[in-house]
Structures are given as C-alpha cells and as structure tokens.
Amino acid sequence: QVQLVEAGGGLVQAGGALRLSCAASGRTFSRYAMGWFRQAPGKEREFVAAISPSGTITDYPDSVKSRFTISRDNAKNTVYLQMNSLKPEDTAVYYCAADASNTGIRRLAPDFGAWGQGTQVTVSS
C-alpha cells in the first residue's frame, strides 16, 4: 500500500499562488493514477485534479480549470498541484490520493484507495 504525505499548504491572499506536493512511498508510484481533492468545513470532499500514471492525461473540474495544474515526477515519486489566482472559496484541506485500478483517471473519492493526511490551504480576501 502506497503511503502519501502532502506539503506546501499555508495562508495566502486572494489572487496569490501556492504549490502543493505529495510524496509517495514505494516503488510502484508510476503505476498509480493520482488525484487531488479538497474538503471545506461542513462540505463534502470535492475533486480538484487527476493525472494519469504517465502524466500525459489530466482532468479538472470547471471550478479550478485554467487556475490549477497537476503534474508529477515519477523519478521523485511526487505529484504536485500548482494553484494560481486563488480565491477565498478555495480554502479547504487538500488531500492527495492514489488509484491503483489502472482503469484511467477518475473523479470519485471512493475510487482512490490511498490518501494522505491533508494540508490546509487558507485564502484570505
């Protein structure tokens, strides 16, 4: 089972940027599709981005498309989320997740079998 550790969260003003990283343990990282999700207080966990095992295919919901970019470095067992033009509504705990199913990139949280502990992102207005 892969283990995931997120880093890079913090407090930023609206319009600013943050880069999250997620380091994975194990030697099979390149086989996993990876995803980022977020959860604000009182809300359900929300899909933010996903990337295929090779990194050639990405997916975003409309709420973050053109502002967020997911990428990965399989040599470093790390996936990144570059977040630009941040808005107060982006405030949440951000989680990275791994999907070992090899069925393409997906958006539903139950499809991801491994999760990190989360990192807080707070965007002030």
Protein backbone atom coordinates (compact mmCIF):
# COMPACT_ATOMS: atom_id res chain seq x y z
CA GLN A 1 0.00 0.00 0.00
CA VAL A 2 1.43 3.34 -1.01
CA GLN A 3 1.79 5.99 1.68
CA LEU A 4 1.28 9.64 0.82
CA VAL A 5 2.48 12.81 2.55
CA GLU A 6 1.32 16.25 1.43
CA ALA A 7 3.18 19.51 1.96
CA GLY A 8 3.01 23.11 0.84
CA GLY A 9 -0.22 24.39 2.32
CA GLY A 10 -0.48 27.72 4.06
CA LEU A 11 -2.11 31.12 4.20
CA VAL A 12 -2.20 33.23 1.05
CA GLN A 13 -4.06 36.32 -0.08
CA ALA A 14 -6.67 36.14 -2.81
CA GLY A 15 -5.01 36.23 -6.19
CA GLY A 16 -1.90 34.54 -4.86
CA ALA A 17 -0.42 31.15 -5.61
CA LEU A 18 0.65 28.01 -3.77
CA ARG A 19 2.28 24.78 -4.86
CA LEU A 20 1.33 21.62 -3.07
CA SER A 21 3.41 18.48 -3.24
CA CYS A 22 2.63 14.89 -2.34
CA ALA A 23 5.44 12.42 -1.78
CA ALA A 24 4.69 8.74 -2.17
CA SER A 25 6.47 5.77 -0.69
CA GLY A 26 7.13 2.53 -2.55
CA ARG A 27 8.47 1.51 -5.92
CA THR A 28 5.20 1.37 -7.85
CA PHE A 29 4.28 5.06 -7.88
CA SER A 30 4.44 5.21 -11.67
CA ARG A 31 1.59 2.69 -11.89
CA TYR A 32 -0.87 4.86 -9.96
CA ALA A 33 -3.21 7.48 -11.27
CA MET A 34 -3.08 10.33 -8.77
CA GLY A 35 -5.63 12.82 -7.66
CA TRP A 36 -6.09 15.90 -5.52
CA PHE A 37 -9.26 16.51 -3.53
CA ARG A 38 -10.29 19.16 -1.06
CA GLN A 39 -12.73 19.42 1.80
CA ALA A 40 -14.00 22.60 3.39
CA PRO A 41 -15.70 22.60 6.80
CA GLY A 42 -19.25 21.28 6.56
CA LYS A 43 -18.84 20.26 2.92
CA GLU A 44 -18.25 17.01 1.11
CA ARG A 45 -14.85 16.08 -0.26
CA GLU A 46 -14.50 17.62 -3.72
CA PHE A 47 -12.49 16.51 -6.74
CA VAL A 48 -9.81 19.02 -7.76
CA ALA A 49 -7.49 17.33 -10.26
CA ALA A 50 -6.26 13.98 -11.51
CA ILE A 51 -3.34 12.76 -13.58
CA SER A 52 -2.66 9.51 -15.37
CA PRO A 53 0.24 7.25 -14.36
CA SER A 54 2.41 8.52 -17.21
CA GLY A 55 1.39 12.14 -16.66
CA THR A 56 0.07 12.58 -20.18
CA ILE A 57 -3.61 12.91 -19.25
CA THR A 58 -5.05 15.34 -16.74
CA ASP A 59 -8.56 16.24 -15.61
CA TYR A 60 -10.04 19.18 -13.72
CA PRO A 61 -13.49 20.35 -12.72
CA ASP A 62 -14.62 23.69 -14.15
CA SER A 63 -14.16 25.37 -10.78
CA VAL A 64 -10.35 25.15 -10.98
CA LYS A 65 -9.67 24.63 -14.69
CA SER A 66 -7.19 27.22 -16.03
CA ARG A 67 -6.11 28.11 -12.46
CA PHE A 68 -4.77 24.79 -11.13
CA THR A 69 -2.24 22.47 -12.74
CA ILE A 70 -1.46 18.92 -11.66
CA SER A 71 1.86 17.36 -12.58
CA ARG A 72 4.04 14.50 -11.48
CA ASP A 73 7.65 13.43 -11.37
CA ASN A 74 7.77 9.65 -11.34
CA ALA A 75 11.52 9.65 -10.72
CA LYS A 76 10.87 11.50 -7.45
CA ASN A 77 7.63 9.67 -6.56
CA THR A 78 5.94 13.05 -6.24
CA VAL A 79 2.79 14.68 -7.55
CA TYR A 80 2.25 18.44 -7.50
CA LEU A 81 -0.66 20.85 -7.58
CA GLN A 82 0.16 24.36 -8.73
CA MET A 83 -2.64 26.69 -7.67
CA ASN A 84 -2.79 30.17 -9.16
CA SER A 85 -5.28 33.02 -8.88
CA LEU A 86 -6.50 31.62 -5.59
CA LYS A 87 -9.91 32.61 -4.29
CA PRO A 88 -11.34 32.54 -0.76
CA GLU A 89 -13.61 29.70 -1.85
CA ASP A 90 -10.51 27.58 -2.48
CA THR A 91 -9.98 27.45 1.28
CA ALA A 92 -10.01 23.80 2.37
CA VAL A 93 -7.91 20.89 3.49
CA TYR A 94 -6.29 19.45 0.38
CA TYR A 95 -5.65 15.73 0.07
CA CYS A 96 -3.71 13.72 -2.46
CA ALA A 97 -4.88 10.24 -3.33
CA ALA A 98 -3.69 7.23 -5.31
CA ASP A 99 -5.71 4.97 -7.59
CA ALA A 100 -4.12 1.62 -8.45
CA SER A 101 -7.02 0.30 -10.52
CA ASN A 102 -5.40 1.02 -13.92
CA THR A 103 -8.80 1.98 -15.34
CA GLY A 104 -7.99 5.52 -16.38
CA ILE A 105 -8.22 8.70 -14.36
CA ARG A 106 -11.32 9.09 -12.24
CA ARG A 107 -13.05 11.75 -10.17
CA LEU A 108 -14.81 9.92 -7.37
CA ALA A 109 -13.18 9.74 -3.96
CA PRO A 110 -14.18 6.08 -3.31
CA ASP A 111 -12.19 5.08 -6.41
CA PHE A 112 -8.95 6.12 -4.71
CA GLY A 113 -7.54 3.58 -2.28
CA ALA A 114 -4.80 5.53 -0.55
CA TRP A 115 -4.91 9.00 0.95
CA GLY A 116 -2.55 11.46 2.55
CA GLN A 117 -3.22 13.23 5.82
CA GLY A 118 -4.12 16.53 4.15
CA THR A 119 -2.67 20.02 4.15
CA GLN A 120 -4.58 23.20 4.99
CA VAL A 121 -4.90 25.94 2.38
CA THR A 122 -6.40 29.22 3.55
CA VAL A 123 -7.08 32.06 1.14
CA SER A 124 -7.85 35.41 2.70
CA SER A 125 -9.92 38.06 0.96
